[in-house]
Protein backbone atom coordinates (compact mmCIF):
# COMPACT_ATOMS: atom_id res chain seq x y z
CA MET A 1 -86.20 17.72 -159.12
CA THR A 2 -82.87 17.05 -157.75
CA ALA A 3 -80.13 16.87 -160.34
CA LEU A 4 -80.23 12.91 -160.38
CA THR A 5 -84.19 12.55 -161.56
CA ILE A 6 -83.52 14.92 -164.66
CA ARG A 7 -80.32 13.33 -165.74
CA LYS A 8 -82.40 9.70 -165.48
CA LYS A 9 -85.37 12.04 -167.10
CA LEU A 10 -82.97 13.31 -169.65
CA ALA A 11 -81.60 9.97 -169.96
CA ASN A 12 -85.13 8.50 -170.91
CA TYR A 13 -85.67 10.65 -173.42
CA ILE A 14 -82.74 10.89 -175.58
CA GLU A 15 -83.07 7.33 -175.73
CA VAL A 16 -86.35 7.41 -177.42
CA ALA A 17 -86.65 10.90 -179.59
CA ASP A 18 -85.98 11.24 -183.08
CA ASP A 19 -82.92 12.25 -184.74
CA LYS A 20 -84.33 15.89 -185.50
CA LYS A 21 -84.58 16.07 -181.98
CA ILE A 22 -81.27 14.26 -181.31
CA LYS A 23 -79.73 17.16 -183.77
CA ALA A 24 -81.41 20.29 -181.79
CA ILE A 25 -80.15 18.83 -178.23
CA TYR A 26 -76.84 18.66 -178.99
CA THR A 27 -76.72 21.70 -181.01
CA LEU A 28 -77.63 23.15 -177.68
CA LEU A 29 -74.82 22.11 -175.83
CA GLU A 30 -72.32 20.61 -178.76
CA ASP A 31 -70.00 23.81 -177.41
CA GLU A 32 -69.78 22.46 -173.72
CA ILE A 33 -70.22 18.48 -175.08
CA GLU A 34 -66.92 19.28 -176.78
CA GLN A 35 -65.04 21.72 -174.04
CA GLN A 36 -65.66 18.51 -171.80
CA GLY A 37 -62.30 17.48 -169.77
CA HIS A 38 -60.72 20.44 -171.40
CA VAL A 39 -59.47 22.52 -168.78
CA SER A 40 -57.73 26.15 -169.00
CA LEU A 41 -54.51 27.42 -169.42
CA GLU A 42 -54.72 28.71 -165.67
CA GLN A 43 -56.13 25.27 -164.16
CA TYR A 44 -53.36 23.26 -166.68
CA ASN A 45 -50.23 25.62 -164.97
CA LYS A 46 -51.62 25.40 -161.40
CA GLU A 47 -52.42 21.22 -161.72
CA LEU A 48 -48.60 21.43 -162.84
CA ASP A 49 -47.06 23.37 -160.38
CA GLU A 50 -48.63 21.19 -158.10
CA ALA A 51 -47.87 18.01 -159.09
CA GLU A 52 -44.02 19.51 -159.01
CA LYS A 53 -44.48 20.22 -155.22
CA GLU A 54 -45.29 17.01 -154.78
CA PHE A 55 -42.78 15.13 -156.38
CA ILE A 56 -40.27 17.94 -154.66
CA THR A 57 -41.35 16.52 -151.63
CA GLY A 58 -40.94 13.13 -152.97
CA GLU A 59 -45.17 12.31 -152.91
CA TYR A 60 -45.65 9.92 -155.31
CA ILE A 61 -44.78 6.74 -156.73
CA SER A 62 -42.08 5.68 -158.99
CA ASN A 63 -43.14 2.79 -161.87
CA THR A 64 -40.83 -0.18 -160.27
CA SER A 65 -42.87 0.25 -156.82
CA LEU A 66 -46.19 0.92 -158.39
CA LYS A 67 -45.68 -1.81 -161.14
CA LYS A 68 -45.00 -4.41 -157.58
CA MET A 69 -48.11 -2.84 -155.86
CA ILE A 70 -50.61 -3.76 -158.92
CA LYS A 71 -48.69 -7.63 -158.75
CA GLN A 72 -49.94 -7.77 -155.22
CA TRP A 73 -53.69 -6.48 -156.51
């Protein structure tokens, strides 16, 4: 079974599951759900280093340029 199929089945199940089962599923996955979007300190520092390199080499768009681009959308 593919991950996409599993996601669909889980989404369908969650829609109809009773509250007790929903809470049990959440408890099982709570740590991962709460950490979603959080990055490790190492990853954070790596992203900062990459952003700094882009800035130094001029690989960025100024706020003024970005506003002009948005107006053209």
